[in-house]
Structures are given as C-alpha cells and as structure tokens.
Protein backbone atom coordinates (compact mmCIF):
# COMPACT_ATOMS: atom_id res chain seq x y z
CA UNK A 1 163.96 189.14 89.74
CA UNK A 2 165.55 190.68 92.83
CA UNK A 3 169.01 190.48 91.22
CA UNK A 4 167.64 192.09 88.05
CA UNK A 5 165.97 194.85 90.05
CA UNK A 6 169.20 195.52 92.00
CA UNK A 7 171.22 195.67 88.78
CA UNK A 8 168.69 198.04 87.21
CA UNK A 9 168.80 200.31 90.28
CA UNK A 10 172.60 200.36 90.21
CA UNK A 11 172.55 201.18 86.49
CA UNK A 12 170.07 204.01 87.07
CA UNK A 13 172.14 205.38 89.96
CA UNK A 14 175.30 205.30 87.82
CA UNK A 15 173.50 207.06 84.98
CA UNK A 16 172.29 209.81 87.32
CA UNK A 17 175.78 210.31 88.76
CA UNK A 18 177.29 210.37 85.25
CA UNK A 19 174.74 212.95 84.11
CA UNK A 20 175.48 215.14 87.15
CA UNK A 21 179.21 214.93 86.47
CA UNK A 22 178.65 215.79 82.80
CA UNK A 23 176.54 218.81 83.79
CA UNK A 24 179.28 220.07 86.13
CA UNK A 25 181.88 219.64 83.40
CA UNK A 26 179.75 221.56 80.91
CA UNK A 27 179.29 224.38 83.42
CA UNK A 28 183.03 224.52 84.16
CA UNK A 29 183.86 224.59 80.45
CA UNK A 30 181.39 227.43 79.87
CA UNK A 31 183.00 229.45 82.66
CA UNK A 32 186.48 228.77 81.26
CA UNK A 33 185.44 229.83 77.75
CA UNK A 34 183.93 233.04 79.10
CA UNK A 35 187.09 233.81 81.08
CA UNK A 36 189.29 233.22 78.03
CA UNK A 37 187.06 235.51 75.95
CA UNK A 38 187.50 238.27 78.53
CA UNK A 39 191.25 237.83 78.10
CA UNK A 40 190.92 238.36 74.36
CA UNK A 41 191.01 234.73 73.22
CA UNK A 42 188.41 234.39 70.46
CA UNK A 43 186.23 231.31 70.14
CA UNK A 44 188.13 230.04 67.09
CA UNK A 45 191.40 230.33 69.03
CA UNK A 46 189.85 228.38 71.88
CA UNK A 47 188.84 225.61 69.49
CA UNK A 48 192.44 225.44 68.30
CA UNK A 49 193.57 225.10 71.92
CA UNK A 50 191.06 222.29 72.55
CA UNK A 51 192.37 220.57 69.42
CA UNK A 52 195.90 220.86 70.78
CA UNK A 53 194.81 219.18 74.02
CA UNK A 54 193.00 216.46 72.07
CA UNK A 55 196.17 215.79 70.08
CA UNK A 56 198.09 215.20 73.33
CA UNK A 57 195.53 212.64 74.48
CA UNK A 58 195.60 210.73 71.19
CA UNK A 59 199.40 210.80 71.07
CA UNK A 60 199.32 209.04 74.44
CA UNK A 61 197.45 206.15 72.79
CA UNK A 62 200.09 205.55 70.10
CA UNK A 63 202.29 202.49 70.41
CA UNK A 64 205.18 201.23 68.29
CA UNK A 65 206.89 197.91 67.71
CA UNK A 66 210.14 196.83 66.08
CA UNK A 67 213.58 196.80 67.67
CA UNK A 68 215.43 198.39 64.74
CA UNK A 69 212.67 199.86 62.56
CA UNK A 70 209.63 201.29 64.31
CA UNK A 71 206.18 200.55 62.93
CA UNK A 72 202.79 201.51 64.30
CA UNK A 73 201.39 198.89 66.63
CA UNK A 74 198.17 197.25 65.49
CA UNK A 75 195.01 198.92 66.72
CA UNK A 76 196.60 202.41 66.89
CA UNK A 77 195.54 203.55 63.42
CA UNK A 78 192.53 205.52 64.64
CA UNK A 79 194.59 207.27 67.34
CA UNK A 80 197.16 208.25 64.71
CA UNK A 81 194.40 209.61 62.45
CA UNK A 82 192.81 211.63 65.28
CA UNK A 83 196.17 213.00 66.49
CA UNK A 84 197.20 213.99 62.97
CA UNK A 85 193.85 215.69 62.29
CA UNK A 86 194.10 217.68 65.53
CA UNK A 87 197.65 218.72 64.62
CA UNK A 88 196.69 219.69 61.07
CA UNK A 89 198.92 217.01 59.53
CA UNK A 90 198.52 214.03 57.24
CA UNK A 91 198.77 210.76 59.21
CA UNK A 92 201.59 209.37 57.01
CA UNK A 93 203.62 212.57 57.54
CA UNK A 94 203.22 212.40 61.32
CA UNK A 95 204.07 208.68 61.38
CA UNK A 96 207.17 209.22 59.25
CA UNK A 97 208.39 212.04 61.53
CA UNK A 98 208.05 209.74 64.54
CA UNK A 99 209.34 206.50 63.03
CA UNK A 100 212.30 207.85 61.02
CA UNK A 101 215.00 210.52 61.19
CA UNK A 102 217.12 212.38 58.65
CA UNK A 103 220.90 212.04 58.90
CA UNK A 104 223.35 214.21 56.98
CA UNK A 105 225.98 212.14 55.17
CA UNK A 106 228.42 214.47 53.47
CA UNK A 107 226.37 216.80 51.30
CA UNK A 108 223.33 214.51 51.25
CA UNK A 109 220.61 213.54 53.67
CA UNK A 110 219.55 209.95 54.20
CA UNK A 111 216.53 208.61 56.07
CA UNK A 112 217.17 206.17 58.90
CA UNK A 113 214.64 204.20 60.90
CA UNK A 114 214.04 204.86 64.59
CA UNK A 115 213.61 202.03 67.05
CA UNK A 116 210.21 201.55 68.67
CA UNK A 117 211.57 202.97 71.93
CA UNK A 118 212.94 206.07 70.15
CA UNK A 119 209.61 206.60 68.36
CA UNK A 120 207.69 206.40 71.64
CA UNK A 121 210.14 208.81 73.28
CA UNK A 122 209.57 211.26 70.41
CA UNK A 123 205.82 210.85 70.84
CA UNK A 124 206.03 211.61 74.56
CA UNK A 125 208.35 214.53 73.91
CA UNK A 126 205.90 215.98 71.40
CA UNK A 127 203.01 215.77 73.88
CA UNK A 128 205.08 217.54 76.55
CA UNK A 129 206.21 220.24 74.10
CA UNK A 130 202.61 220.86 73.02
CA UNK A 131 201.49 221.29 76.62
CA UNK A 132 204.41 223.55 77.59
CA UNK A 133 204.10 225.83 74.56
CA UNK A 134 200.32 226.09 74.83
CA UNK A 135 200.63 226.92 78.53
CA UNK A 136 203.24 229.62 77.82
CA UNK A 137 201.07 231.14 75.09
CA UNK A 138 198.01 231.38 77.33
CA UNK A 139 200.06 232.97 80.12
CA UNK A 140 201.47 235.53 77.67
CA UNK A 141 197.93 236.23 76.44
CA UNK A 142 196.74 236.77 80.01
CA UNK A 143 199.52 239.17 80.92
CA UNK A 144 199.25 241.10 77.64
CA UNK A 145 195.52 241.53 78.11
CA UNK A 146 195.91 242.66 81.71
CA UNK A 147 198.66 245.12 80.79
CA UNK A 148 196.48 246.71 78.12
CA UNK A 149 193.58 246.98 80.55
CA UNK A 150 195.82 248.53 83.21
CA UNK A 151 197.19 251.09 80.73
CA UNK A 152 193.70 252.05 79.56
CA UNK A 153 192.45 252.42 83.14
CA UNK A 154 195.47 254.53 84.11
CA UNK A 155 194.96 256.78 81.10
CA UNK A 156 191.31 257.31 81.97
CA UNK A 157 192.04 258.10 85.62
CA UNK A 158 195.36 259.91 85.47
CA UNK A 159 195.84 260.98 81.85
CA UNK A 160 198.91 258.78 81.50
CA UNK A 161 199.78 255.10 81.60
CA UNK A 162 203.37 255.64 82.71
CA UNK A 163 204.36 253.42 85.59
CA UNK A 164 201.13 251.41 85.57
CA UNK A 165 201.04 247.68 84.87
CA UNK A 166 198.99 244.69 85.86
CA UNK A 167 199.77 240.99 85.93
CA UNK A 168 198.83 237.69 87.54
CA UNK A 169 201.57 236.09 89.62
CA UNK A 170 201.06 232.52 90.77
CA UNK A 171 203.11 230.97 93.54
CA UNK A 172 202.49 227.25 93.36
CA UNK A 173 203.64 225.83 96.69
CA UNK A 174 204.01 222.08 96.39
CA UNK A 175 203.76 219.70 99.28
CA UNK A 176 207.10 218.08 100.12
CA UNK A 177 207.06 214.56 98.63
CA UNK A 178 208.59 211.40 100.08
CA UNK A 179 207.26 208.20 98.48
CA UNK A 180 208.33 204.59 98.43
CA UNK A 181 210.04 205.27 95.10
CA UNK A 182 211.09 208.85 94.40
CA UNK A 183 212.07 209.94 90.89
CA UNK A 184 212.90 213.16 89.03
CA UNK A 185 209.40 214.56 89.54
CA UNK A 186 209.75 214.36 93.34
CA UNK A 187 213.25 215.85 93.13
CA UNK A 188 211.99 218.90 91.22
CA UNK A 189 209.10 219.43 93.63
CA UNK A 190 211.39 219.14 96.64
CA UNK A 191 213.92 221.48 94.99
CA UNK A 192 211.18 224.10 94.66
CA UNK A 193 210.41 223.71 98.35
CA UNK A 194 214.10 224.08 99.19
CA UNK A 195 214.17 227.38 97.31
CA UNK A 196 211.12 228.62 99.19
CA UNK A 197 212.65 227.47 102.48
CA UNK A 198 215.83 229.38 101.65
CA UNK A 199 213.82 232.57 101.13
CA UNK A 200 211.99 231.94 104.40
CA UNK A 201 215.28 231.49 106.24
CA UNK A 202 216.65 234.70 104.79
CA UNK A 203 213.58 236.70 105.81
CA UNK A 204 212.98 235.24 109.27
CA UNK A 205 216.37 234.33 110.76
CA UNK A 206 218.81 236.66 109.06
CA UNK A 207 216.51 239.66 109.18
CA UNK A 208 215.82 239.04 112.87
CA UNK A 209 219.55 238.82 113.61
CA UNK A 210 220.26 242.08 111.76
CA UNK A 211 217.48 243.83 113.64
CA UNK A 212 218.83 242.66 117.00
CA UNK A 213 222.34 243.83 116.12
CA UNK A 214 221.06 247.22 114.98
CA UNK A 215 219.20 247.67 118.27
CA UNK A 216 222.15 246.52 120.37
CA UNK A 217 220.39 243.40 121.59
CA UNK A 218 222.23 240.09 122.14
CA UNK A 219 221.83 237.78 119.16
CA UNK A 220 220.29 234.45 120.11
CA UNK A 221 222.56 231.55 119.27
CA UNK A 222 221.17 228.74 117.20
CA UNK A 223 222.55 225.93 115.07
CA UNK A 224 222.77 227.82 111.81
CA UNK A 225 223.89 224.77 109.83
CA UNK A 226 220.77 222.88 110.88
CA UNK A 227 218.49 225.73 109.87
CA UNK A 228 220.34 226.70 106.68
CA UNK A 229 219.71 224.75 103.48
CA UNK A 230 222.38 226.44 101.37
CA UNK A 231 224.35 223.19 101.02
CA UNK A 232 221.32 221.42 99.57
CA UNK A 233 220.68 224.25 97.13
CA UNK A 234 224.34 224.18 96.10
CA UNK A 235 224.20 220.41 95.70
CA UNK A 236 221.27 220.74 93.33
CA UNK A 237 221.97 223.92 91.37
CA UNK A 238 225.71 224.71 91.44
CA UNK A 239 226.88 225.66 87.90
CA UNK A 240 229.32 222.79 87.22
CA UNK A 241 229.04 220.30 90.05
CA UNK A 242 225.34 220.60 90.88
CA UNK A 243 222.93 217.76 90.21
CA UNK A 244 221.07 219.56 87.43
CA UNK A 245 224.27 220.63 85.64
CA UNK A 246 225.64 217.08 85.78
CA UNK A 247 222.31 215.64 84.61
CA UNK A 248 222.22 217.98 81.60
CA UNK A 249 225.82 217.11 80.82
CA UNK A 250 225.20 213.37 81.01
CA UNK A 251 222.26 213.70 78.61
CA UNK A 252 224.66 215.00 75.95
CA UNK A 253 227.11 212.11 76.21
CA UNK A 254 226.26 209.33 73.70
CA UNK A 255 226.92 206.59 76.27
CA UNK A 256 225.55 208.41 79.29
CA UNK A 257 223.39 206.32 81.62
CA UNK A 258 221.48 206.84 84.83
CA UNK A 259 224.14 204.91 86.72
CA UNK A 260 227.03 206.93 85.28
CA UNK A 261 225.16 210.12 86.22
CA UNK A 262 224.89 208.98 89.84
CA UNK A 263 228.59 208.06 89.91
CA UNK A 264 229.59 211.53 88.69
CA UNK A 265 227.19 213.20 91.13
CA UNK A 266 228.68 211.37 94.11
CA UNK A 267 232.24 212.04 92.98
CA UNK A 268 231.70 215.76 92.33
CA UNK A 269 229.97 216.26 95.71
CA UNK A 270 231.94 213.85 97.89
CA UNK A 271 232.43 216.49 100.61
CA UNK A 272 228.78 217.54 100.78
CA UNK A 273 227.33 215.80 103.83
CA UNK A 274 223.80 216.34 102.55
CA UNK A 275 224.39 213.69 99.84
CA UNK A 276 224.70 209.96 100.42
CA UNK A 277 225.36 207.10 98.05
CA UNK A 278 223.40 203.91 97.51
CA UNK A 279 222.64 201.53 100.33
CA UNK A 280 221.47 197.95 100.22
CA UNK A 281 222.76 197.12 96.74
CA UNK A 282 220.93 199.86 94.84
CA UNK A 283 223.54 201.30 92.43
CA UNK A 284 221.18 203.80 90.83
CA UNK A 285 219.95 205.39 94.04
CA UNK A 286 221.18 208.30 96.13
CA UNK A 287 219.86 210.15 99.18
CA UNK A 288 219.57 213.86 99.92
CA UNK A 289 219.10 215.29 103.41
CA UNK A 290 216.45 217.91 102.69
CA UNK A 291 215.28 220.40 105.32
CA UNK A 292 212.13 218.29 105.68
CA UNK A 293 213.91 214.95 105.91
CA UNK A 294 216.07 212.36 104.19
CA UNK A 295 214.80 211.31 100.75
CA UNK A 296 216.13 208.41 98.68
CA UNK A 297 215.89 208.94 94.91
CA UNK A 298 215.89 206.24 92.24
CA UNK A 299 217.66 207.63 89.16
CA UNK A 300 216.01 205.15 86.79
CA UNK A 301 214.91 207.11 83.67
CA UNK A 302 216.35 210.41 84.97
CA UNK A 303 218.14 210.99 81.65
CA UNK A 304 215.11 210.06 79.57
CA UNK A 305 212.80 212.34 81.54
CA UNK A 306 215.25 215.23 81.33
CA UNK A 307 215.73 214.95 77.56
CA UNK A 308 212.12 215.15 76.35
CA UNK A 309 213.41 214.53 72.82
CA UNK A 310 211.86 216.58 70.02
CA UNK A 311 213.65 216.05 66.71
CA UNK A 312 214.21 218.79 64.15
CA UNK A 313 212.44 216.58 61.57
CA UNK A 314 209.31 216.56 63.69
CA UNK A 315 209.44 220.31 64.27
CA UNK A 316 209.76 220.97 60.53
CA UNK A 317 206.63 218.90 59.90
CA UNK A 318 204.72 220.74 62.65
CA UNK A 319 205.63 224.13 61.16
CA UNK A 320 203.79 223.03 58.02
CA UNK A 321 200.58 222.33 59.95
CA UNK A 322 197.31 223.59 58.52
CA UNK A 323 196.27 224.54 62.07
CA UNK A 324 197.48 228.13 62.67
CA UNK A 325 198.06 227.59 66.40
CA UNK A 326 200.24 224.51 65.88
CA UNK A 327 202.43 226.16 63.25
CA UNK A 328 202.73 229.23 65.51
CA UNK A 329 203.73 227.17 68.57
CA UNK A 330 206.55 225.54 66.63
CA UNK A 331 207.73 228.59 64.72
CA UNK A 332 211.53 229.12 64.98
CA UNK A 333 211.12 232.02 67.42
CA UNK A 334 209.07 229.80 69.74
CA UNK A 335 211.71 227.08 69.55
CA UNK A 336 214.41 229.46 70.78
CA UNK A 337 212.22 230.67 73.64
CA UNK A 338 211.43 227.18 74.91
CA UNK A 339 214.71 225.40 74.19
CA UNK A 340 215.74 225.76 77.83
CA UNK A 341 213.04 223.36 78.94
CA UNK A 342 214.87 220.22 77.97
CA UNK A 343 218.40 218.97 77.92
CA UNK A 344 219.96 217.13 75.04
CA UNK A 345 218.64 219.81 72.69
CA UNK A 346 220.17 222.52 74.85
CA UNK A 347 219.51 223.92 78.28
CA UNK A 348 218.10 221.21 80.49
CA UNK A 349 216.54 221.68 83.88
CA UNK A 350 219.04 224.14 85.24
CA UNK A 351 219.23 226.13 81.99
CA UNK A 352 215.51 226.83 81.83
CA UNK A 353 214.97 227.31 85.52
CA UNK A 354 212.86 224.18 85.66
CA UNK A 355 212.26 223.88 89.34
CA UNK A 356 208.55 223.42 89.10
CA UNK A 357 207.03 226.67 90.37
CA UNK A 358 204.08 228.14 88.54
CA UNK A 359 204.12 231.63 87.18
CA UNK A 360 202.53 234.06 84.84
C-alpha cells in the first residue's frame, strides 16, 4: 500500500508539473502569435509556418534502408504521411524525390535509385533548407513591417519619410566552444568570435595608438602578434587558401573526403603558425590557435555538413506544393537568394557569409 501511495503521489506530481509546463507553452505561443500579427503576419500565414516546422520534425523521423536502392524503413510510414501533408505533397511524390534522382542521358532523362545514405542526406538537407528559408522570410517580414511603420511615423511628424528607416539588428555573441570533440559547428562559432575579437582589437588597440600619436604621447609597446588575430582570420577566410574556400572546393570534387580536405588545408597553410597538423595518430584532425586558446577539430563529416544536399528534383516537387508558403519558399527567386548557404550546389560557407552570427 505504501509503494502504491508513493507511486500515485509521484504520478500526481508529474501531472501537475506537466500541466504547468503546458500552460507556460500555451502562454508563450499566444504572445508569439500576437507579436507576429503586429508585424503583419496573418493567422493563416502563421498556420503555414507552424506546418513548415511540423514538417521538419517529421522529416527527422524518416529512415531509409538499402545500400544501392533506398526504401522507406519499416515503421516510418506515418512520419512520411505527416511530413508530406505538412508540405502539401502526396507521400509517394515526396518519397520518390528522396529515394531517386533524375539523370540526363543524351537527350533523355532516366531515373536512378539513391542509396539509403543519400536519401537520408537529402532528408536532412530539406529540413535545414526549410528552417533557413522560413527564418529568412520572417526576418524580411519584420524589417518590411518596421520600415513601413517608420515611414508612416516620419510622414505624420515631419511631412516626409525621406531619410527615415527602422530595423531590428541582432548581434548574437556565441560563447567560445572547446569540447572533447570539436566539429564544424564549433569551428563556425569560434570563427564568429574571432571576427568580433578582430573588431574589438581594431577599436581598442589601434584607435588608442592613433590617439596617442596624434597627441604626441609615447605609444606603449606591446606584443602586437599576440594580440592580433589576423592570421587566424586569414587561415579561415582567405579567398583561395582559407579553410572555408578549401572546404567548398573539396565538396565539389567527386572523390573529395574529409581526410583529403585536411591534407590540402595543411599544405596550403604550411607557413601559418596558428595551424597544426594531427597528433597522436589522428589523420582527420587539425588544431587552430585561436585568441581564446588552442582547439583541436575533428574533420569527420565536415564535407557532409557543408553540402546540405538539396536536389533539383526535390525542389521541383516542392514548387508544386499545395501549401502556398512551401511553394513560395522554393520558388526559383528564393533558390538564387539562398544558394550561398551550402556548398556543392554553389557558394558554401565562405560564399554565403556563413559564420554563424544572427541578423535581421
């Protein structure tokens, strides 16, 4: 009886906590919906956005099997149906776009099967593209709404809207990351911090030196090389020899691998003392001496993460979606605007400015 009473109390406590969490979520959602309405996003447009988010979640539940010809893994049928419904597509059409690809042979097109790995990569790439394009659209909506409001206010107060604008600018300052295993995500976050540190150095040290010189005061000597992080920034973002340029290039090569990328990186930057090769029998790793400390990166899956593959076949299917938002997000004009987000298809990290800062 005591055990039963304890279990019942624990169940009741869990139910109360779950109800409180549900109430908070409902309140947060109501506030978000109200804020989006103020920005000019109608309720039906919000529902389309929620559907887009739901599609991402269900895509994450899809699994494939088959080394040469991908087929949907057993038990994933409901996830496929939910994802297709949210995307405004028929489930067979979505499955075909993920599991096969069209190849041009002379003047004809033939359908070839994707491997299970390729199908899952396409699925992940689709989820990332949905998130990125939805995010961009909401930011554009915010700035457009604010600009209209600023122009109307300026007209009412001054009789003209010339020279008046309004926007939201977000500076997302990441914490510097050093984990047991550091991958591309940590590299991008640390690159963003390096950029911010470079701006800080320019403002604080260089400006102070110029001011002292202008006033005829002796310039304090300091180890400029220790303070400066220009060599790290060059290592990462130089046009031809930088890490991001080499990574984008390696994604294009048919036989490019994570290991071959690291080899080319070390060779192209052999004289940069901020870069070190593998130690302890780790051929895929390399180390960068950041301003905040030495970080060892494991290049495993660098190429895959940078590609975010999204086939033309899949985009054609999405343009035929019965959901207006989905077809709009994948319209040809949207494709050209967001092509710089991924390599392989054109642009890559360096091409799209993908350092990881937020903005709007």
